[in-house]
Amino acid sequence: MKTKYLLLFLFLTFSLGIQAQVSRTDSTMTLLKKYQFAHLKPIVVGANGRYYYGGVRLRSNYSLEIPFGELDDPEVNHYFKSARVIRTVGTVVSVLPTIYYLLEGGSANVSRRTFWATYLASIGVSLTANIISTLKIRRAVGVYNSRLAQPRVGLSLQNTPLSRPAVGFGIAWNM
């Protein structure tokens, strides 16, 4: 009977010890993930509509994927991916009049009215898709910057020249 209680006690102690280690690791990883974005910089939209990251002009809207990926925020990623899909759809639709013209066998088989209707409709869809895509990317940039503006807490431990530890604590708000 004593061995049963001893085994039960050891089993419970061992299982609680494992649970404590797992939860401590999870909370540490969550804390590290929360504060590992100190190296990210805000994205600025210039007066010309160009994006600047850390004072450097980005060549394309798709260059924003790198800082968005570093932040790994689901809302930012959703806006960016939907903007990419919308822009791709607009590009594909803008090619439709050419495909229609080639499949029908040239100008002899295509009426002018049908060609111009599909051409103007594709331009309208392409422009609308680009405008919606730009608005989605701007929304992603706004959410990204608001996530960076949240307060961050830091702790630093350094050895001084006299081999004594120096501890530093800081709180940062970015704008």
C-alpha atoms as a PDB file:
ATOM      1  CA  MET A   1       0.000   0.000   0.000  1.00  0.00           C
ATOM      2  CA  LYS A   2       2.867   2.336   0.828  1.00  0.00           C
ATOM      3  CA  THR A   3       4.467   1.616  -2.518  1.00  0.00           C
ATOM      4  CA  LYS A   4       1.218   2.560  -4.284  1.00  0.00           C
ATOM      5  CA  TYR A   5       1.131   5.914  -2.513  1.00  0.00           C
ATOM      6  CA  LEU A   6       4.819   6.448  -3.125  1.00  0.00           C
ATOM      7  CA  LEU A   7       4.424   5.675  -6.846  1.00  0.00           C
ATOM      8  CA  LEU A   8       1.351   7.929  -7.064  1.00  0.00           C
ATOM      9  CA  PHE A   9       3.232  10.735  -5.296  1.00  0.00           C
ATOM     10  CA  LEU A  10       6.245  10.361  -7.610  1.00  0.00           C
ATOM     11  CA  PHE A  11       4.040  10.228 -10.683  1.00  0.00           C
ATOM     12  CA  LEU A  12       2.144  13.398  -9.695  1.00  0.00           C
ATOM     13  CA  THR A  13       5.346  15.227  -8.777  1.00  0.00           C
ATOM     14  CA  PHE A  14       6.993  14.232 -12.052  1.00  0.00           C
ATOM     15  CA  SER A  15       3.969  15.202 -14.156  1.00  0.00           C
ATOM     16  CA  LEU A  16       3.578  18.572 -12.399  1.00  0.00           C
ATOM     17  CA  GLY A  17       7.284  19.231 -12.869  1.00  0.00           C
ATOM     18  CA  ILE A  18       6.960  18.606 -16.598  1.00  0.00           C
ATOM     19  CA  GLN A  19       3.871  20.834 -16.777  1.00  0.00           C
ATOM     20  CA  ALA A  20       5.683  23.647 -14.959  1.00  0.00           C
ATOM     21  CA  GLN A  21       8.600  23.431 -17.390  1.00  0.00           C
ATOM     22  CA  VAL A  22       6.314  23.459 -20.418  1.00  0.00           C
ATOM     23  CA  SER A  23       4.310  26.452 -19.244  1.00  0.00           C
ATOM     24  CA  ARG A  24       7.475  28.344 -18.322  1.00  0.00           C
ATOM     25  CA  THR A  25       8.894  27.724 -21.793  1.00  0.00           C
ATOM     26  CA  ASP A  26       5.633  28.807 -23.434  1.00  0.00           C
ATOM     27  CA  SER A  27       5.437  32.018 -21.401  1.00  0.00           C
ATOM     28  CA  THR A  28       9.108  32.775 -22.102  1.00  0.00           C
ATOM     29  CA  MET A  29       8.624  32.248 -25.831  1.00  0.00           C
ATOM     30  CA  THR A  30       5.537  34.456 -25.798  1.00  0.00           C
ATOM     31  CA  LEU A  31       7.473  37.173 -23.984  1.00  0.00           C
ATOM     32  CA  LEU A  32      10.388  36.908 -26.402  1.00  0.00           C
ATOM     33  CA  LYS A  33       8.079  36.996 -29.425  1.00  0.00           C
ATOM     34  CA  LYS A  34       6.314  40.053 -28.046  1.00  0.00           C
ATOM     35  CA  TYR A  35       9.498  42.083 -27.576  1.00  0.00           C
ATOM     36  CA  GLN A  36      11.698  40.890 -30.425  1.00  0.00           C
ATOM     37  CA  PHE A  37      10.490  43.601 -32.818  1.00  0.00           C
ATOM     38  CA  ALA A  38      12.618  46.418 -31.421  1.00  0.00           C
ATOM     39  CA  HIS A  39      14.648  46.498 -34.660  1.00  0.00           C
ATOM     40  CA  LEU A  40      11.621  47.275 -36.849  1.00  0.00           C
ATOM     41  CA  LYS A  41      11.091  50.823 -38.028  1.00  0.00           C
ATOM     42  CA  PRO A  42       7.839  52.577 -38.932  1.00  0.00           C
ATOM     43  CA  ILE A  43       6.790  52.859 -42.564  1.00  0.00           C
ATOM     44  CA  VAL A  44       6.165  56.384 -43.831  1.00  0.00           C
ATOM     45  CA  VAL A  45       3.963  57.190 -46.811  1.00  0.00           C
ATOM     46  CA  GLY A  46       5.438  60.159 -48.690  1.00  0.00           C
ATOM     47  CA  ALA A  47       3.492  62.945 -50.356  1.00  0.00           C
ATOM     48  CA  ASN A  48       4.121  61.262 -53.698  1.00  0.00           C
ATOM     49  CA  GLY A  49       2.547  58.004 -52.489  1.00  0.00           C
ATOM     50  CA  ARG A  50       5.892  56.221 -52.172  1.00  0.00           C
ATOM     51  CA  TYR A  51       6.750  54.174 -49.111  1.00  0.00           C
ATOM     52  CA  TYR A  52       9.807  54.861 -46.956  1.00  0.00           C
ATOM     53  CA  TYR A  53      11.221  52.389 -44.454  1.00  0.00           C
ATOM     54  CA  GLY A  54      13.940  53.706 -42.159  1.00  0.00           C
ATOM     55  CA  GLY A  55      14.370  56.767 -44.396  1.00  0.00           C
ATOM     56  CA  VAL A  56      15.019  54.653 -47.501  1.00  0.00           C
ATOM     57  CA  ARG A  57      12.564  54.756 -50.390  1.00  0.00           C
ATOM     58  CA  LEU A  58      11.124  51.379 -51.310  1.00  0.00           C
ATOM     59  CA  ARG A  59      11.026  50.601 -55.014  1.00  0.00           C
ATOM     60  CA  SER A  60       7.773  48.660 -54.954  1.00  0.00           C
ATOM     61  CA  ASN A  61       4.740  48.076 -52.781  1.00  0.00           C
ATOM     62  CA  TYR A  62       5.800  44.449 -52.646  1.00  0.00           C
ATOM     63  CA  SER A  63       8.972  45.476 -50.783  1.00  0.00           C
ATOM     64  CA  LEU A  64       6.720  45.982 -47.769  1.00  0.00           C
ATOM     65  CA  GLU A  65       6.457  42.208 -47.476  1.00  0.00           C
ATOM     66  CA  ILE A  66       9.754  42.028 -45.576  1.00  0.00           C
ATOM     67  CA  PRO A  67       8.831  44.267 -42.614  1.00  0.00           C
ATOM     68  CA  PHE A  68       5.295  42.851 -42.612  1.00  0.00           C
ATOM     69  CA  GLY A  69       6.723  39.344 -42.475  1.00  0.00           C
ATOM     70  CA  GLU A  70       9.050  40.302 -39.617  1.00  0.00           C
ATOM     71  CA  LEU A  71       6.126  41.611 -37.597  1.00  0.00           C
ATOM     72  CA  ASP A  72       4.079  38.493 -38.431  1.00  0.00           C
ATOM     73  CA  ASP A  73       0.776  40.091 -37.438  1.00  0.00           C
ATOM     74  CA  PRO A  74      -2.270  38.248 -38.841  1.00  0.00           C
ATOM     75  CA  GLU A  75      -4.221  41.433 -39.592  1.00  0.00           C
ATOM     76  CA  VAL A  76      -1.317  43.071 -41.448  1.00  0.00           C
ATOM     77  CA  ASN A  77      -0.642  39.875 -43.409  1.00  0.00           C
ATOM     78  CA  HIS A  78      -4.339  39.577 -44.314  1.00  0.00           C
ATOM     79  CA  TYR A  79      -4.482  43.110 -45.736  1.00  0.00           C
ATOM     80  CA  PHE A  80      -1.228  42.661 -47.642  1.00  0.00           C
ATOM     81  CA  LYS A  81      -2.162  39.281 -49.144  1.00  0.00           C
ATOM     82  CA  SER A  82      -5.616  40.488 -50.163  1.00  0.00           C
ATOM     83  CA  ALA A  83      -4.036  43.548 -51.820  1.00  0.00           C
ATOM     84  CA  ARG A  84      -1.695  41.279 -53.758  1.00  0.00           C
ATOM     85  CA  VAL A  85      -4.572  39.057 -54.907  1.00  0.00           C
ATOM     86  CA  ILE A  86      -6.698  42.034 -55.969  1.00  0.00           C
ATOM     87  CA  ARG A  87      -3.835  43.548 -57.953  1.00  0.00           C
ATOM     88  CA  THR A  88      -3.169  40.198 -59.664  1.00  0.00           C
ATOM     89  CA  VAL A  89      -6.834  39.900 -60.634  1.00  0.00           C
ATOM     90  CA  GLY A  90      -6.736  43.419 -62.078  1.00  0.00           C
ATOM     91  CA  THR A  91      -3.668  42.543 -64.136  1.00  0.00           C
ATOM     92  CA  VAL A  92      -5.227  39.352 -65.486  1.00  0.00           C
ATOM     93  CA  VAL A  93      -8.464  41.138 -66.400  1.00  0.00           C
ATOM     94  CA  SER A  94      -6.555  43.840 -68.281  1.00  0.00           C
ATOM     95  CA  VAL A  95      -5.208  41.168 -70.664  1.00  0.00           C
ATOM     96  CA  LEU A  96      -8.676  39.842 -71.571  1.00  0.00           C
ATOM     97  CA  PRO A  97      -9.304  42.124 -74.603  1.00  0.00           C
ATOM     98  CA  THR A  98      -6.063  40.949 -76.215  1.00  0.00           C
ATOM     99  CA  ILE A  99      -6.938  37.310 -75.616  1.00  0.00           C
ATOM    100  CA  TYR A 100     -10.450  37.899 -76.980  1.00  0.00           C
ATOM    101  CA  TYR A 101      -9.048  39.625 -80.064  1.00  0.00           C
ATOM    102  CA  LEU A 102      -6.562  36.823 -80.737  1.00  0.00           C
ATOM    103  CA  LEU A 103      -9.049  34.001 -80.162  1.00  0.00           C
ATOM    104  CA  GLU A 104     -11.633  35.511 -82.500  1.00  0.00           C
ATOM    105  CA  GLY A 105      -9.142  35.636 -85.348  1.00  0.00           C
ATOM    106  CA  GLY A 106      -8.285  39.314 -85.620  1.00  0.00           C
ATOM    107  CA  SER A 107     -10.180  42.396 -86.657  1.00  0.00           C
ATOM    108  CA  ALA A 108     -12.261  40.658 -89.332  1.00  0.00           C
ATOM    109  CA  ASN A 109     -14.316  38.629 -86.841  1.00  0.00           C
ATOM    110  CA  VAL A 110     -14.556  41.116 -83.947  1.00  0.00           C
ATOM    111  CA  SER A 111     -16.985  44.001 -84.042  1.00  0.00           C
ATOM    112  CA  ARG A 112     -15.627  47.364 -83.065  1.00  0.00           C
ATOM    113  CA  ARG A 113     -18.292  47.879 -80.441  1.00  0.00           C
ATOM    114  CA  THR A 114     -17.530  44.561 -78.696  1.00  0.00           C
ATOM    115  CA  PHE A 115     -13.793  45.158 -78.752  1.00  0.00           C
ATOM    116  CA  TRP A 116     -14.037  48.667 -77.303  1.00  0.00           C
ATOM    117  CA  ALA A 117     -16.560  47.575 -74.690  1.00  0.00           C
ATOM    118  CA  THR A 118     -14.277  44.808 -73.426  1.00  0.00           C
ATOM    119  CA  TYR A 119     -11.250  47.098 -73.667  1.00  0.00           C
ATOM    120  CA  LEU A 120     -12.817  49.916 -71.635  1.00  0.00           C
ATOM    121  CA  ALA A 121     -14.320  47.475 -69.149  1.00  0.00           C
ATOM    122  CA  SER A 122     -10.921  45.876 -68.575  1.00  0.00           C
ATOM    123  CA  ILE A 123      -9.325  49.291 -68.031  1.00  0.00           C
ATOM    124  CA  GLY A 124     -12.042  50.128 -65.511  1.00  0.00           C
ATOM    125  CA  VAL A 125     -11.601  46.849 -63.652  1.00  0.00           C
ATOM    126  CA  SER A 126      -7.811  47.238 -63.660  1.00  0.00           C
ATOM    127  CA  LEU A 127      -7.941  50.794 -62.295  1.00  0.00           C
ATOM    128  CA  THR A 128     -10.489  49.838 -59.652  1.00  0.00           C
ATOM    129  CA  ALA A 129      -8.378  46.855 -58.588  1.00  0.00           C
ATOM    130  CA  ASN A 130      -5.275  49.039 -58.308  1.00  0.00           C
ATOM    131  CA  ILE A 131      -7.118  51.632 -56.202  1.00  0.00           C
ATOM    132  CA  ILE A 132      -8.556  48.975 -53.874  1.00  0.00           C
ATOM    133  CA  SER A 133      -5.135  47.299 -53.637  1.00  0.00           C
ATOM    134  CA  THR A 134      -3.464  50.591 -52.720  1.00  0.00           C
ATOM    135  CA  LEU A 135      -6.074  51.264 -50.028  1.00  0.00           C
ATOM    136  CA  LYS A 136      -5.543  47.792 -48.559  1.00  0.00           C
ATOM    137  CA  ILE A 137      -1.777  48.309 -48.467  1.00  0.00           C
ATOM    138  CA  ARG A 138      -2.261  51.699 -46.786  1.00  0.00           C
ATOM    139  CA  ARG A 139      -4.483  50.018 -44.201  1.00  0.00           C
ATOM    140  CA  ALA A 140      -1.802  47.359 -43.635  1.00  0.00           C
ATOM    141  CA  VAL A 141       0.808  50.100 -43.160  1.00  0.00           C
ATOM    142  CA  GLY A 142      -1.461  51.850 -40.640  1.00  0.00           C
ATOM    143  CA  VAL A 143      -1.968  48.660 -38.639  1.00  0.00           C
ATOM    144  CA  TYR A 144       1.764  47.878 -38.842  1.00  0.00           C
ATOM    145  CA  ASN A 145       2.692  51.321 -37.497  1.00  0.00           C
ATOM    146  CA  SER A 146       0.101  51.087 -34.720  1.00  0.00           C
ATOM    147  CA  ARG A 147       1.520  47.707 -33.653  1.00  0.00           C
ATOM    148  CA  LEU A 148       4.999  49.243 -33.496  1.00  0.00           C
ATOM    149  CA  ALA A 149       3.720  52.172 -31.425  1.00  0.00           C
ATOM    150  CA  GLN A 150       2.697  49.889 -28.568  1.00  0.00           C
ATOM    151  CA  PRO A 151       4.893  50.263 -25.485  1.00  0.00           C
ATOM    152  CA  ARG A 152       7.822  47.888 -25.148  1.00  0.00           C
ATOM    153  CA  VAL A 153       9.705  46.891 -22.017  1.00  0.00           C
ATOM    154  CA  GLY A 154      13.381  46.037 -22.037  1.00  0.00           C
ATOM    155  CA  LEU A 155      15.904  44.610 -19.610  1.00  0.00           C
ATOM    156  CA  SER A 156      19.655  44.747 -20.134  1.00  0.00           C
ATOM    157  CA  LEU A 157      22.450  43.021 -18.222  1.00  0.00           C
ATOM    158  CA  GLN A 158      26.044  44.056 -19.020  1.00  0.00           C
ATOM    159  CA  ASN A 159      29.398  43.500 -17.348  1.00  0.00           C
ATOM    160  CA  THR A 160      31.297  46.661 -16.424  1.00  0.00           C
ATOM    161  CA  PRO A 161      35.094  46.946 -16.759  1.00  0.00           C
ATOM    162  CA  LEU A 162      35.364  46.088 -13.046  1.00  0.00           C
ATOM    163  CA  SER A 163      33.558  42.760 -13.718  1.00  0.00           C
ATOM    164  CA  ARG A 164      30.473  43.905 -11.899  1.00  0.00           C
ATOM    165  CA  PRO A 165      27.086  43.429 -13.532  1.00  0.00           C
ATOM    166  CA  ALA A 166      25.062  46.482 -14.486  1.00  0.00           C
ATOM    167  CA  VAL A 167      21.325  46.075 -14.908  1.00  0.00           C
ATOM    168  CA  GLY A 168      19.234  48.410 -17.032  1.00  0.00           C
ATOM    169  CA  PHE A 169      15.467  48.585 -17.398  1.00  0.00           C
ATOM    170  CA  GLY A 170      13.606  50.605 -19.990  1.00  0.00           C
ATOM    171  CA  ILE A 171      10.207  51.347 -21.427  1.00  0.00           C
ATOM    172  CA  ALA A 172       9.909  52.628 -25.003  1.00  0.00           C
ATOM    173  CA  TRP A 173       7.074  54.111 -27.013  1.00  0.00           C
ATOM    174  CA  ASN A 174       7.674  54.564 -30.712  1.00  0.00           C
ATOM    175  CA  MET A 175       5.824  56.915 -32.994  1.00  0.00           C
END
